[in-house]
Each structure stands twice: as C-alpha cells, then as structure tokens.
C-alpha cells in the first residue's frame, strides 16, 4: 500500500501530485465564475435602468408618453 495509488491511474477529477486542479476542474471553475459575473452584470444593468426610469426628468417622461410608441417603432 504505502504511497502507491489504489488503482493504476488517478482520477481526472482529483488534484495532481503538485496539488493543482486539472484542466477540467479549471475550466468548470472558470465557467462558473464567468456565469456568475454575467448574472451580476445583468442585474446591475437592470437595476441602473430601473433607477433611470424612476428618476427620469419630467420632460423626458412627457416625451415618452406622447412619442414613445413612435420612437420604439423606429429602433
């Protein structure tokens, strides 16, 4: 037994002998970090847009109510 592994090769999901994760673990972690960052960014943008809409200048609110449907069609 000693220091020899119980099977002929170690699992790809385990750390290698230097204690580092293999490529699959790193890729999975990177994907998780990126997806969380994207969700946070989307939430931040939506929150910012909501704040802009809530604190819109009265003249801008009037223009939106009068011309909003026309302006939306041209985008």
Foldseek 3Di string as FASTA:
>chain_A
DPPDDPDPDDDLQAAPPVRDHDPVVVVVVVVVVVVVVVVVVVVVVVVVVVVCVVPPDPVVVVCCVVCVVVVVVVD
